[in-house]
């Protein structure tokens, strides 16, 4: 799918507010609502837009501690650790990294005792040789892709 300036602007507006009415988007872009509707439908069909989602306020949603945790798998056990990580509800993002960077996770929990329990649970996993964790102190920027 071609990413012309209109499609790029539609995506930019929906990233800021996925509930924004198509009529408002159309008015701002100087096109019809039907044009916006058709373009969004095509962007979804072509999987440029994977899903419409929301962003929670961590404090108000009761999950105010954000930590970045790196798990280092045992040799030849990366796939097992990847599967483990995919099934942990505290993990909101996870990436297998190049080099000797392990598997990096963004973890969101209620409080520090909850983070400690999460880390202890991972430490007991025989397929993980080491963990590193950093707690986020202040959010500087949050943007949807």
Protein backbone atom coordinates (compact mmCIF):
# COMPACT_ATOMS: atom_id res chain seq x y z
CA UNK A 1 0.00 0.00 0.00
CA UNK A 2 1.30 3.41 -0.93
CA UNK A 3 1.85 5.77 1.96
CA UNK A 4 0.87 9.04 0.34
CA UNK A 5 0.65 12.24 2.41
CA UNK A 6 -3.09 11.77 3.10
CA UNK A 7 -2.60 8.24 4.47
CA UNK A 8 0.35 9.42 6.57
CA UNK A 9 -1.72 12.25 8.03
CA UNK A 10 -4.67 9.94 8.76
CA UNK A 11 -2.34 7.55 10.60
CA UNK A 12 -0.73 10.42 12.51
CA UNK A 13 -4.17 11.64 13.66
CA UNK A 14 -5.34 8.16 14.66
CA UNK A 15 -2.13 7.55 16.63
CA UNK A 16 -2.89 10.65 18.69
CA UNK A 17 -6.55 9.67 19.16
CA UNK A 18 -7.84 6.40 17.71
CA UNK A 19 -11.40 7.44 18.59
CA UNK A 20 -11.26 10.67 16.61
CA UNK A 21 -14.32 10.89 14.32
CA UNK A 22 -13.66 10.40 10.62
CA UNK A 23 -15.65 13.59 9.96
CA UNK A 24 -13.09 15.65 11.95
CA UNK A 25 -10.19 13.99 10.14
CA UNK A 26 -11.86 14.63 6.79
CA UNK A 27 -12.51 18.29 7.62
CA UNK A 28 -8.91 18.84 8.67
CA UNK A 29 -7.55 17.15 5.55
CA UNK A 30 -10.05 18.75 3.15
CA UNK A 31 -11.43 15.42 1.92
CA UNK A 32 -14.75 13.66 2.35
CA UNK A 33 -15.61 11.46 5.30
CA UNK A 34 -16.14 8.62 2.83
CA UNK A 35 -12.54 9.04 1.59
CA UNK A 36 -11.20 8.77 5.15
CA UNK A 37 -13.40 5.75 5.90
CA UNK A 38 -12.25 3.94 2.72
CA UNK A 39 -8.60 4.73 3.35
CA UNK A 40 -8.72 3.52 6.96
CA UNK A 41 -10.50 0.34 5.85
CA UNK A 42 -7.77 -0.27 3.24
CA UNK A 43 -5.01 0.46 5.79
CA UNK A 44 -6.57 -2.16 8.10
CA UNK A 45 -7.03 -4.70 5.29
CA UNK A 46 -3.40 -4.23 4.21
CA UNK A 47 -2.33 -4.64 7.86
CA UNK A 48 -0.67 -1.22 7.95
CA UNK A 49 -2.97 -0.61 10.92
CA UNK A 50 -2.90 -3.75 13.06
CA UNK A 51 -5.31 -2.67 15.79
CA UNK A 52 -6.91 0.28 17.49
CA UNK A 53 -5.90 0.47 21.12
CA UNK A 54 -5.72 2.69 24.17
CA UNK A 55 -3.07 3.91 26.57
CA UNK A 56 -3.66 3.54 30.30
CA UNK A 57 -2.50 5.97 32.93
CA UNK A 58 -0.25 3.71 35.06
CA UNK A 59 -1.06 5.37 38.40
CA UNK A 60 -4.80 5.54 37.85
CA UNK A 61 -4.98 1.97 36.54
CA UNK A 62 -3.27 0.56 39.64
CA UNK A 63 -0.06 -0.46 37.86
CA UNK A 64 2.37 2.32 38.61
CA UNK A 65 5.76 0.57 38.65
CA UNK A 66 7.47 0.19 35.29
CA UNK A 67 10.69 -1.78 35.04
CA UNK A 68 12.89 -2.87 32.19
CA UNK A 69 14.14 -6.39 32.75
CA UNK A 70 16.69 -8.33 30.73
CA UNK A 71 16.69 -12.11 30.98
CA UNK A 72 19.72 -14.04 29.80
CA UNK A 73 18.76 -17.53 28.58
CA UNK A 74 20.89 -20.62 29.00
CA UNK A 75 22.73 -21.59 25.81
CA UNK A 76 20.39 -22.96 23.16
CA UNK A 77 17.30 -22.19 25.33
CA UNK A 78 16.31 -18.81 23.83
CA UNK A 79 13.08 -20.13 22.28
CA UNK A 80 11.95 -21.55 25.62
CA UNK A 81 12.57 -18.23 27.36
CA UNK A 82 10.73 -16.41 24.55
CA UNK A 83 7.69 -18.65 25.09
CA UNK A 84 7.86 -18.14 28.84
CA UNK A 85 8.00 -14.34 28.45
CA UNK A 86 5.04 -14.29 26.03
CA UNK A 87 2.86 -15.81 28.74
CA UNK A 88 3.78 -13.48 31.62
CA UNK A 89 0.92 -11.00 32.21
CA UNK A 90 3.27 -8.43 33.78
CA UNK A 91 5.24 -8.18 30.52
CA UNK A 92 3.69 -5.59 28.20
CA UNK A 93 6.49 -5.57 25.63
CA UNK A 94 9.36 -7.95 24.97
CA UNK A 95 12.13 -8.11 22.40
CA UNK A 96 14.75 -10.64 21.42
CA UNK A 97 17.82 -8.51 20.84
CA UNK A 98 20.87 -8.85 18.61
CA UNK A 99 24.24 -9.54 20.16
CA UNK A 100 24.58 -10.62 23.77
CA UNK A 101 21.70 -8.49 25.00
CA UNK A 102 19.33 -11.22 26.16
CA UNK A 103 15.58 -10.80 26.05
CA UNK A 104 14.45 -7.33 27.02
CA UNK A 105 11.06 -6.82 28.66
CA UNK A 106 8.99 -3.87 29.73
CA UNK A 107 7.26 -4.96 32.92
CA UNK A 108 4.34 -3.12 34.53
CA UNK A 109 3.23 -4.03 38.05
CA UNK A 110 1.25 -2.60 40.95
CA UNK A 111 4.12 -1.88 43.32
CA UNK A 112 7.69 -2.78 44.29
CA UNK A 113 6.73 -5.96 46.20
CA UNK A 114 4.94 -7.14 43.05
CA UNK A 115 8.06 -6.44 40.99
CA UNK A 116 10.17 -8.33 43.51
CA UNK A 117 7.83 -11.36 43.30
CA UNK A 118 8.01 -11.21 39.49
CA UNK A 119 11.82 -11.13 39.52
CA UNK A 120 12.02 -13.95 42.07
CA UNK A 121 9.73 -16.06 39.90
CA UNK A 122 12.02 -15.51 36.90
CA UNK A 123 15.14 -16.24 38.97
CA UNK A 124 13.73 -19.66 39.81
CA UNK A 125 13.50 -20.56 36.12
CA UNK A 126 16.34 -22.97 35.27
CA UNK A 127 16.38 -21.78 31.63
CA UNK A 128 17.39 -18.25 32.74
CA UNK A 129 21.01 -17.77 33.82
CA UNK A 130 20.84 -14.11 34.90
CA UNK A 131 18.54 -11.11 35.18
CA UNK A 132 19.14 -7.38 35.11
CA UNK A 133 16.47 -4.85 35.99
CA UNK A 134 16.06 -1.09 35.98
CA UNK A 135 13.07 0.77 37.43
CA UNK A 136 11.68 3.73 35.52
CA UNK A 137 11.68 6.82 37.71
CA UNK A 138 10.01 9.33 35.42
CA UNK A 139 8.34 9.12 32.02
CA UNK A 140 9.98 11.51 29.58
CA UNK A 141 8.11 10.54 26.42
CA UNK A 142 5.48 8.05 25.37
CA UNK A 143 4.40 7.75 21.77
CA UNK A 144 2.50 5.13 19.86
CA UNK A 145 4.33 3.85 16.79
